[in-house]
Protein backbone atom coordinates (compact mmCIF):
# COMPACT_ATOMS: atom_id res chain seq x y z
CA UNK A 1 -28.68 -16.83 -20.59
CA UNK A 2 -27.74 -14.95 -23.78
CA UNK A 3 -27.13 -11.22 -24.06
CA UNK A 4 -30.62 -10.43 -25.39
CA UNK A 5 -32.38 -12.32 -22.59
CA UNK A 6 -30.08 -10.73 -20.00
CA UNK A 7 -30.94 -7.26 -21.32
CA UNK A 8 -34.68 -8.02 -21.13
CA UNK A 9 -34.29 -9.29 -17.58
CA UNK A 10 -32.43 -6.15 -16.48
CA UNK A 11 -35.04 -3.86 -18.10
CA UNK A 12 -37.87 -5.82 -16.47
CA UNK A 13 -36.19 -5.66 -13.05
CA UNK A 14 -35.60 -1.93 -13.32
CA UNK A 15 -39.20 -1.35 -14.42
CA UNK A 16 -40.53 -3.43 -11.54
CA UNK A 17 -38.36 -1.50 -9.09
CA UNK A 18 -39.54 1.83 -10.54
CA UNK A 19 -43.20 0.87 -10.32
CA UNK A 20 -42.91 -0.48 -6.78
CA UNK A 21 -41.34 2.80 -5.70
CA UNK A 22 -44.52 4.71 -6.54
CA UNK A 23 -47.14 2.01 -5.93
CA UNK A 24 -47.47 1.04 -2.29
CA UNK A 25 -50.02 -1.50 -1.18
CA UNK A 26 -52.49 -0.26 1.44
CA UNK A 27 -53.15 -2.56 4.38
CA UNK A 28 -56.38 -2.82 6.35
CA UNK A 29 -55.27 -0.36 9.03
CA UNK A 30 -54.46 2.33 6.47
CA UNK A 31 -57.75 1.81 4.65
CA UNK A 32 -59.62 2.06 7.95
CA UNK A 33 -57.88 5.37 8.71
CA UNK A 34 -59.06 6.68 5.34
CA UNK A 35 -62.60 5.58 6.17
CA UNK A 36 -62.48 7.48 9.47
CA UNK A 37 -61.80 10.66 7.49
CA UNK A 38 -64.03 10.12 4.47
CA UNK A 39 -66.86 7.67 5.20
CA UNK A 40 -70.14 9.64 4.89
CA UNK A 41 -72.12 7.15 6.97
CA UNK A 42 -69.69 7.47 9.87
CA UNK A 43 -69.76 11.26 9.61
CA UNK A 44 -73.57 11.19 9.65
CA UNK A 45 -73.47 8.97 12.75
CA UNK A 46 -71.07 11.40 14.40
CA UNK A 47 -73.41 14.30 13.65
CA UNK A 48 -76.30 12.33 15.20
CA UNK A 49 -74.15 11.75 18.26
CA UNK A 50 -73.37 15.46 18.61
CA UNK A 51 -77.07 16.24 18.32
CA UNK A 52 -77.93 13.57 20.88
CA UNK A 53 -75.47 15.01 23.42
CA UNK A 54 -77.54 18.18 23.58
CA UNK A 55 -80.49 16.33 25.15
CA UNK A 56 -78.73 16.32 28.51
CA UNK A 57 -77.99 20.06 28.32
CA UNK A 58 -81.55 20.86 27.32
CA UNK A 59 -83.01 18.70 30.10
CA UNK A 60 -80.72 20.25 32.70
CA UNK A 61 -81.72 23.76 31.66
CA UNK A 62 -85.18 23.27 33.18
CA UNK A 63 -83.60 23.06 36.67
CA UNK A 64 -81.37 26.10 36.29
CA UNK A 65 -82.26 29.80 36.62
CA UNK A 66 -84.00 31.44 33.70
CA UNK A 67 -83.02 35.04 33.06
CA UNK A 68 -84.67 37.29 30.49
CA UNK A 69 -84.25 40.96 29.65
CA UNK A 70 -86.67 43.15 27.69
CA UNK A 71 -86.93 46.80 26.81
CA UNK A 72 -88.96 49.25 24.82
CA UNK A 73 -88.97 52.87 23.76
CA UNK A 74 -92.14 54.73 22.78
CA UNK A 75 -92.94 58.00 21.03
CA UNK A 76 -96.21 59.48 22.26
CA UNK A 77 -98.46 62.28 21.10
CA UNK A 78 -101.39 63.74 23.08
CA UNK A 79 -103.94 65.53 20.88
CA UNK A 80 -107.15 67.46 21.52
CA UNK A 81 -109.26 68.34 18.49
CA UNK A 82 -106.36 67.37 16.24
CA UNK A 83 -104.14 69.81 18.09
CA UNK A 84 -100.94 68.46 19.68
CA UNK A 85 -101.03 69.32 23.37
CA UNK A 86 -98.00 67.24 24.38
CA UNK A 87 -95.51 64.91 22.71
CA UNK A 88 -92.86 62.96 24.54
CA UNK A 89 -90.66 59.86 24.66
CA UNK A 90 -90.83 57.10 27.28
CA UNK A 91 -88.46 54.15 27.90
CA UNK A 92 -88.92 50.90 29.77
CA UNK A 93 -86.35 48.21 30.68
CA UNK A 94 -86.99 45.07 32.71
CA UNK A 95 -85.20 41.92 33.81
CA UNK A 96 -86.86 38.74 35.07
CA UNK A 97 -85.18 35.90 36.95
CA UNK A 98 -86.98 32.61 37.60
CA UNK A 99 -85.53 29.80 39.69
CA UNK A 100 -87.51 26.53 39.87
CA UNK A 101 -87.90 25.29 43.43
CA UNK A 102 -90.30 22.39 43.14
CA UNK A 103 -90.73 21.19 39.54
CA UNK A 104 -90.96 17.41 39.31
CA UNK A 105 -91.70 17.62 35.61
CA UNK A 106 -88.40 19.43 35.00
CA UNK A 107 -86.52 16.91 37.12
CA UNK A 108 -87.79 13.95 35.10
CA UNK A 109 -87.14 15.83 31.87
CA UNK A 110 -83.55 16.26 33.02
CA UNK A 111 -83.22 12.51 33.65
CA UNK A 112 -84.81 11.84 30.28
CA UNK A 113 -82.26 14.07 28.55
CA UNK A 114 -79.41 12.35 30.37
CA UNK A 115 -80.65 8.92 29.26
CA UNK A 116 -81.04 10.09 25.66
CA UNK A 117 -77.47 11.43 25.63
CA UNK A 118 -76.11 8.12 26.93
CA UNK A 119 -78.21 6.32 24.32
CA UNK A 120 -76.65 8.49 21.61
CA UNK A 121 -73.20 7.55 22.88
CA UNK A 122 -74.03 3.85 22.72
CA UNK A 123 -75.54 4.20 19.25
CA UNK A 124 -72.43 6.01 17.98
CA UNK A 125 -70.21 3.28 19.43
CA UNK A 126 -72.30 0.72 17.56
CA UNK A 127 -71.97 2.71 14.33
CA UNK A 128 -68.20 2.81 14.81
CA UNK A 129 -68.15 -0.97 15.05
CA UNK A 130 -70.32 -1.24 11.97
CA UNK A 131 -67.83 0.97 10.13
CA UNK A 132 -65.01 -1.43 11.02
CA UNK A 133 -67.02 -4.36 9.67
CA UNK A 134 -68.03 -2.49 6.50
CA UNK A 135 -64.40 -1.51 5.84
CA UNK A 136 -63.13 -5.04 6.46
CA UNK A 137 -65.90 -6.58 4.35
CA UNK A 138 -65.23 -4.21 1.44
CA UNK A 139 -61.47 -4.74 1.76
CA UNK A 140 -61.67 -8.53 1.72
CA UNK A 141 -64.34 -8.45 -0.96
CA UNK A 142 -61.76 -6.79 -3.22
CA UNK A 143 -59.09 -9.32 -2.26
CA UNK A 144 -61.52 -12.19 -2.84
CA UNK A 145 -62.43 -10.77 -6.26
CA UNK A 146 -58.74 -10.47 -7.14
CA UNK A 147 -58.11 -14.06 -6.09
CA UNK A 148 -61.11 -15.23 -8.11
CA UNK A 149 -59.97 -13.27 -11.15
CA UNK A 150 -56.43 -14.64 -10.92
CA UNK A 151 -57.80 -18.17 -10.67
CA UNK A 152 -60.09 -17.53 -13.65
CA UNK A 153 -57.16 -16.21 -15.70
CA UNK A 154 -55.02 -19.20 -14.77
CA UNK A 155 -57.88 -21.53 -15.66
CA UNK A 156 -58.37 -19.79 -18.99
CA UNK A 157 -54.66 -20.06 -19.74
CA UNK A 158 -54.44 -23.72 -18.73
CA UNK A 159 -57.51 -24.78 -20.71
CA UNK A 160 -56.32 -22.63 -23.61
CA UNK A 161 -53.13 -24.68 -23.73
CA UNK A 162 -55.22 -27.83 -23.57
CA UNK A 163 -57.35 -26.53 -26.46
CA UNK A 164 -54.26 -25.82 -28.58
CA UNK A 165 -52.84 -29.22 -27.77
CA UNK A 166 -56.09 -30.91 -28.78
CA UNK A 167 -56.04 -29.10 -32.12
CA UNK A 168 -52.48 -30.22 -32.80
CA UNK A 169 -53.33 -33.81 -31.85
CA UNK A 170 -56.33 -33.68 -34.16
CA UNK A 171 -54.25 -32.31 -37.03
CA UNK A 172 -51.80 -35.23 -36.82
CA UNK A 173 -54.59 -37.77 -36.35
CA UNK A 174 -53.98 -38.57 -32.67
CA UNK A 175 -57.33 -37.19 -31.41
CA UNK A 176 -60.94 -37.10 -32.49
CA UNK A 177 -62.81 -33.93 -33.39
CA UNK A 178 -64.90 -34.36 -30.23
CA UNK A 179 -61.81 -33.68 -28.14
CA UNK A 180 -61.26 -30.39 -29.98
CA UNK A 181 -64.90 -29.43 -29.50
CA UNK A 182 -64.88 -30.31 -25.81
CA UNK A 183 -61.76 -28.25 -25.10
CA UNK A 184 -63.11 -25.36 -27.17
CA UNK A 185 -66.39 -25.38 -25.20
CA UNK A 186 -64.50 -25.52 -21.92
CA UNK A 187 -62.26 -22.65 -23.02
CA UNK A 188 -65.25 -20.51 -24.02
CA UNK A 189 -66.75 -21.01 -20.58
CA UNK A 190 -63.49 -19.91 -18.92
CA UNK A 191 -63.53 -16.72 -21.00
CA UNK A 192 -67.04 -15.97 -19.79
CA UNK A 193 -65.98 -16.73 -16.23
CA UNK A 194 -62.98 -14.43 -16.49
CA UNK A 195 -65.11 -11.55 -17.82
CA UNK A 196 -67.60 -12.08 -15.01
CA UNK A 197 -64.79 -12.02 -12.43
CA UNK A 198 -63.48 -8.77 -13.89
CA UNK A 199 -66.91 -7.19 -13.47
CA UNK A 200 -67.08 -8.46 -9.88
CA UNK A 201 -63.68 -6.96 -9.12
CA UNK A 202 -64.71 -3.61 -10.57
CA UNK A 203 -67.88 -3.63 -8.44
CA UNK A 204 -65.89 -4.59 -5.33
CA UNK A 205 -63.44 -1.74 -5.89
CA UNK A 206 -66.31 0.70 -6.29
CA UNK A 207 -67.77 -0.52 -3.00
CA UNK A 208 -64.50 0.18 -1.19
CA UNK A 209 -64.11 3.55 -2.91
CA UNK A 210 -67.57 4.64 -1.74
CA UNK A 211 -66.39 4.16 1.85
CA UNK A 212 -62.86 5.61 1.79
CA UNK A 213 -63.48 8.30 -0.83
CA UNK A 214 -60.61 7.44 -3.17
CA UNK A 215 -59.45 4.73 -5.56
CA UNK A 216 -57.00 2.30 -4.01
CA UNK A 217 -54.82 0.56 -6.58
CA UNK A 218 -53.08 -2.05 -4.44
CA UNK A 219 -54.19 -3.88 -1.31
CA UNK A 220 -52.00 -5.98 0.95
CA UNK A 221 -53.00 -9.67 0.94
CA UNK A 222 -53.10 -11.99 3.93
CA UNK A 223 -49.98 -13.95 4.74
CA UNK A 224 -50.12 -17.59 3.70
CA UNK A 225 -50.02 -18.97 7.26
CA UNK A 226 -52.69 -16.61 8.63
CA UNK A 227 -53.78 -18.07 11.96
CA UNK A 228 -57.27 -19.53 12.13
CA UNK A 229 -58.50 -20.20 15.66
CA UNK A 230 -61.70 -21.04 17.49
CA UNK A 231 -63.47 -18.44 19.68
CA UNK A 232 -61.91 -17.93 23.07
CA UNK A 233 -63.64 -18.80 25.35
CA UNK A 234 -65.23 -21.68 23.48
CA UNK A 235 -68.31 -21.79 25.73
CA UNK A 236 -71.10 -19.97 23.91
CA UNK A 237 -72.96 -18.87 27.04
CA UNK A 238 -69.92 -16.90 28.24
CA UNK A 239 -70.21 -14.83 25.06
CA UNK A 240 -73.95 -14.40 25.63
CA UNK A 241 -73.33 -13.11 29.17
CA UNK A 242 -70.73 -10.67 27.89
CA UNK A 243 -73.02 -9.49 25.10
CA UNK A 244 -75.98 -8.86 27.43
CA UNK A 245 -73.71 -6.56 29.38
CA UNK A 246 -71.80 -4.76 26.61
CA UNK A 247 -73.75 -4.94 23.35
CA UNK A 248 -74.14 -1.32 22.25
CA UNK A 249 -77.49 -1.74 20.50
CA UNK A 250 -78.91 -3.33 23.63
CA UNK A 251 -77.45 -0.54 25.76
CA UNK A 252 -79.06 2.04 23.50
CA UNK A 253 -82.43 0.26 23.66
CA UNK A 254 -82.32 0.10 27.46
CA UNK A 255 -81.47 3.78 27.71
CA UNK A 256 -84.28 4.63 25.28
CA UNK A 257 -86.59 2.68 27.57
CA UNK A 258 -85.34 4.65 30.60
CA UNK A 259 -85.87 7.90 28.71
CA UNK A 260 -89.45 6.89 27.90
CA UNK A 261 -90.04 6.05 31.57
CA UNK A 262 -88.80 9.46 32.71
CA UNK A 263 -90.91 11.12 30.03
CA UNK A 264 -93.98 9.29 31.37
CA UNK A 265 -93.17 10.39 34.92
CA UNK A 266 -92.75 13.96 33.73
CA UNK A 267 -96.19 13.80 32.12
CA UNK A 268 -97.65 12.45 35.39
CA UNK A 269 -96.04 15.33 37.30
CA UNK A 270 -97.89 17.90 35.23
CA UNK A 271 -100.76 17.76 37.77
CA UNK A 272 -98.44 18.52 40.72
CA UNK A 273 -97.86 22.02 42.11
CA UNK A 274 -95.14 24.04 40.39
CA UNK A 275 -93.21 26.38 42.68
CA UNK A 276 -90.77 29.00 41.40
CA UNK A 277 -88.92 31.95 42.89
CA UNK A 278 -89.43 34.94 40.63
CA UNK A 279 -87.55 38.23 40.73
CA UNK A 280 -88.29 41.20 38.48
CA UNK A 281 -86.57 44.57 38.14
CA UNK A 282 -87.98 47.37 36.00
CA UNK A 283 -86.61 50.79 35.10
CA UNK A 284 -88.57 53.42 33.21
CA UNK A 285 -88.32 57.07 32.23
CA UNK A 286 -90.85 59.43 30.67
CA UNK A 287 -90.49 62.84 29.05
CA UNK A 288 -94.19 63.56 29.45
CA UNK A 289 -94.47 67.27 30.23
CA UNK A 290 -98.06 67.67 31.36
CA UNK A 291 -100.85 65.33 32.35
CA UNK A 292 -103.81 66.03 30.07
CA UNK A 293 -101.83 68.91 28.67
CA UNK A 294 -102.52 71.03 31.75
CA UNK A 295 -100.98 69.54 34.96
CA UNK A 296 -97.19 69.62 35.14
CA UNK A 297 -95.58 66.13 35.43
CA UNK A 298 -93.43 66.09 38.62
CA UNK A 299 -91.56 62.94 37.41
CA UNK A 300 -90.48 64.47 34.12
CA UNK A 301 -87.26 62.76 32.95
CA UNK A 302 -86.72 60.96 36.28
CA UNK A 303 -85.75 57.27 36.15
CA UNK A 304 -88.11 55.07 38.14
CA UNK A 305 -86.85 51.73 39.56
CA UNK A 306 -89.27 48.97 40.57
CA UNK A 307 -88.22 45.60 42.08
CA UNK A 308 -90.45 42.63 42.81
CA UNK A 309 -89.70 39.31 44.52
CA UNK A 310 -92.22 36.50 44.71
CA UNK A 311 -92.75 32.83 45.33
CA UNK A 312 -94.99 31.75 42.51
CA UNK A 313 -97.19 28.67 42.88
CA UNK A 314 -99.08 27.16 39.98
CA UNK A 315 -101.39 24.17 40.33
CA UNK A 316 -102.67 22.81 37.01
CA UNK A 317 -106.23 21.58 37.54
CA UNK A 318 -107.82 21.19 34.17
CA UNK A 319 -106.58 21.93 30.65
CA UNK A 320 -109.32 20.49 28.51
CA UNK A 321 -108.06 16.94 29.08
CA UNK A 322 -104.70 17.51 27.41
CA UNK A 323 -102.67 16.76 30.56
CA UNK A 324 -104.34 13.40 31.11
CA UNK A 325 -104.08 12.60 27.43
CA UNK A 326 -100.36 13.44 27.40
CA UNK A 327 -99.85 11.16 30.41
CA UNK A 328 -101.61 8.23 28.72
CA UNK A 329 -99.64 8.83 25.53
CA UNK A 330 -96.33 8.92 27.43
CA UNK A 331 -97.06 5.63 29.22
CA UNK A 332 -98.04 4.01 25.93
CA UNK A 333 -94.68 5.09 24.48
CA UNK A 334 -93.01 3.66 27.56
CA UNK A 335 -94.74 0.32 27.05
CA UNK A 336 -93.58 0.32 23.44
CA UNK A 337 -89.98 1.07 24.49
CA UNK A 338 -90.09 -1.79 27.00
CA UNK A 339 -91.23 -4.28 24.38
CA UNK A 340 -88.62 -3.04 21.90
CA UNK A 341 -85.96 -3.58 24.55
CA UNK A 342 -87.14 -7.14 25.10
CA UNK A 343 -87.00 -7.75 21.35
CA UNK A 344 -83.50 -6.25 21.11
CA UNK A 345 -82.30 -8.41 23.99
CA UNK A 346 -83.63 -11.57 22.39
CA UNK A 347 -82.17 -10.57 19.02
CA UNK A 348 -78.81 -9.94 20.68
CA UNK A 349 -78.80 -13.40 22.23
CA UNK A 350 -79.76 -14.94 18.89
CA UNK A 351 -77.06 -13.02 17.01
CA UNK A 352 -74.34 -13.90 19.52
CA UNK A 353 -75.15 -17.59 19.40
CA UNK A 354 -75.40 -17.53 15.62
CA UNK A 355 -72.11 -15.62 15.22
CA UNK A 356 -70.36 -17.92 17.69
CA UNK A 357 -71.47 -20.97 15.75
CA UNK A 358 -70.58 -19.17 12.52
CA UNK A 359 -66.96 -18.72 13.61
CA UNK A 360 -66.67 -22.41 14.49
CA UNK A 361 -68.19 -23.29 11.13
CA UNK A 362 -65.74 -21.04 9.27
CA UNK A 363 -62.77 -22.55 11.12
CA UNK A 364 -63.88 -26.00 10.00
CA UNK A 365 -64.56 -24.64 6.52
CA UNK A 366 -61.05 -23.18 6.15
CA UNK A 367 -59.50 -26.47 7.27
CA UNK A 368 -61.66 -28.46 4.88
CA UNK A 369 -61.03 -26.08 1.95
CA UNK A 370 -57.29 -26.23 2.52
CA UNK A 371 -57.39 -30.02 2.45
CA UNK A 372 -59.64 -29.96 -0.60
CA UNK A 373 -57.10 -27.74 -2.39
CA UNK A 374 -54.30 -30.18 -1.63
CA UNK A 375 -56.46 -33.07 -2.84
CA UNK A 376 -57.37 -31.19 -6.05
CA UNK A 377 -53.70 -30.56 -6.77
CA UNK A 378 -52.88 -34.24 -6.29
CA UNK A 379 -55.87 -35.28 -8.38
CA UNK A 380 -54.80 -33.01 -11.24
CA UNK A 381 -51.28 -34.40 -11.20
CA UNK A 382 -52.62 -37.95 -11.29
CA UNK A 383 -55.09 -37.11 -14.06
CA UNK A 384 -52.33 -35.42 -16.08
CA UNK A 385 -50.17 -38.55 -15.84
CA UNK A 386 -53.14 -40.74 -16.76
CA UNK A 387 -53.93 -38.51 -19.73
CA UNK A 388 -50.37 -38.77 -20.99
CA UNK A 389 -50.39 -42.57 -20.80
CA UNK A 390 -53.87 -42.81 -22.28
CA UNK A 391 -55.83 -44.04 -19.23
CA UNK A 392 -57.68 -40.71 -18.83
CA UNK A 393 -59.43 -38.69 -21.51
CA UNK A 394 -59.75 -34.98 -22.16
CA UNK A 395 -62.96 -34.60 -20.17
CA UNK A 396 -61.28 -36.06 -17.10
CA UNK A 397 -58.40 -33.63 -17.42
CA UNK A 398 -60.66 -30.63 -17.90
CA UNK A 399 -62.75 -31.59 -14.88
CA UNK A 400 -59.62 -31.97 -12.75
CA UNK A 401 -58.40 -28.53 -13.78
CA UNK A 402 -61.77 -26.95 -13.03
CA UNK A 403 -61.87 -28.60 -9.60
CA UNK A 404 -58.41 -27.27 -8.80
CA UNK A 405 -59.21 -23.69 -9.68
CA UNK A 406 -62.54 -23.88 -7.87
CA UNK A 407 -60.73 -25.24 -4.81
CA UNK A 408 -58.32 -22.29 -4.97
CA UNK A 409 -61.20 -19.82 -5.04
CA UNK A 410 -63.05 -21.58 -2.22
CA UNK A 411 -59.99 -21.68 0.03
CA UNK A 412 -59.23 -18.00 -0.46
CA UNK A 413 -62.85 -17.05 0.15
CA UNK A 414 -63.10 -19.18 3.29
CA UNK A 415 -60.28 -17.28 5.00
CA UNK A 416 -61.96 -13.93 4.38
CA UNK A 417 -65.30 -15.27 5.57
CA UNK A 418 -63.65 -16.47 8.79
CA UNK A 419 -62.25 -13.01 9.52
CA UNK A 420 -65.60 -11.29 8.97
CA UNK A 421 -67.35 -13.89 11.12
CA UNK A 422 -64.91 -13.26 13.97
CA UNK A 423 -65.35 -9.49 13.68
CA UNK A 424 -69.14 -9.86 13.79
CA UNK A 425 -68.92 -12.05 16.86
CA UNK A 426 -66.82 -9.45 18.67
CA UNK A 427 -69.16 -6.67 17.58
CA UNK A 428 -72.19 -8.56 18.90
CA UNK A 429 -70.66 -8.60 22.40
CA UNK A 430 -69.40 -5.01 22.18
CA UNK A 431 -65.69 -5.88 22.25
CA UNK A 432 -64.75 -5.01 18.66
CA UNK A 433 -62.23 -2.14 18.52
CA UNK A 434 -59.66 -0.70 16.07
CA UNK A 435 -56.98 -2.88 17.66
CA UNK A 436 -58.62 -5.91 16.05
CA UNK A 437 -58.15 -4.40 12.58
CA UNK A 438 -54.57 -3.45 13.42
CA UNK A 439 -53.90 -7.03 14.52
CA UNK A 440 -55.16 -8.29 11.16
CA UNK A 441 -53.07 -5.70 9.31
CA UNK A 442 -49.96 -6.91 11.12
CA UNK A 443 -50.55 -10.32 9.52
CA UNK A 444 -50.59 -9.01 5.97
CA UNK A 445 -47.82 -9.10 3.43
């Protein structure tokens, strides 16, 4: 290595070291942490969860004491023939306490609120799992676009060299003009492919940015020997059993059904007696001087205290048909919730079986794509040798190069598709958690 080349090498090494100091690749775990802080869909789901938690508090309030306080102050004038005979101020303060004793409607409303709160918890857990899948999908979509772009650039460079070689061979009379035209056409197609891949990468980056709220320059790639394994356990029905127990969408649907049932029972209870204990305390004062302007008021300015205690019974008999109509409406909503639960359960079973088969398919796909890549590399080497000795033509060589770069793209894509398939399978049985993303991050470069 001469002095000039050595100087270039040192400058390049120092530049690379300087850039790497400030540019750190983000792994999947770090990107997920950003999404937890900045993803608007997750924040909206969290807000819905906070709102849903209040259903239990509101339902419980119907069983607890109800205390209200009111007061008033009045300015009064007593006139006869437009002449003021007396003018005074009076004040009134009262407090009312009601404690339900027998209120079946309130009891079922409490159980309804409790079910709705639990449903909100299950729905939020499902949204958290969906956030993990969206983050992972966006992350690997960027990596896949980068791999595709790199393969397109390498293909463009390789076919560009082949195009230049064909021109030189044509200039010295060793090749026909058709060879030049064929390589030029192939090169033009690679340019188009490279531009398309650049657009795809830009779109993929925008998709990730919309989730995490910032541009991420570098992403950590998967290690070369990333483990690909079949679902454990392999028996599909074991996954179905687990999903029927833990799937969060199914849990939410069942709790919505229970809430609708309690709502229907509450509507039925509207015809039952309603018994409350009611207590009322009232204090009042009056500055009225004379009754009728003539008789002196013996209670002038004296505070009067009145207390009442009662057991209040209310029996709804007829309200224009609204009570019966509300009951029929509530039971119709209950029937709808039951059928929606059945549909969700069947959909859950279908999704689990489909996702389980999808993981097995992706495992086989990764294995096949890896073998296809090795075969494409061997085929290109053989075609290159044949081209040099004259047993293969330019079209054969171009086709071999295209197959190699396509095999590279397919293999890279198959690994990402396997990971997403496994995450979806775990989500469908309710077992997906942040630890799964951390495990993947630990197997990144």
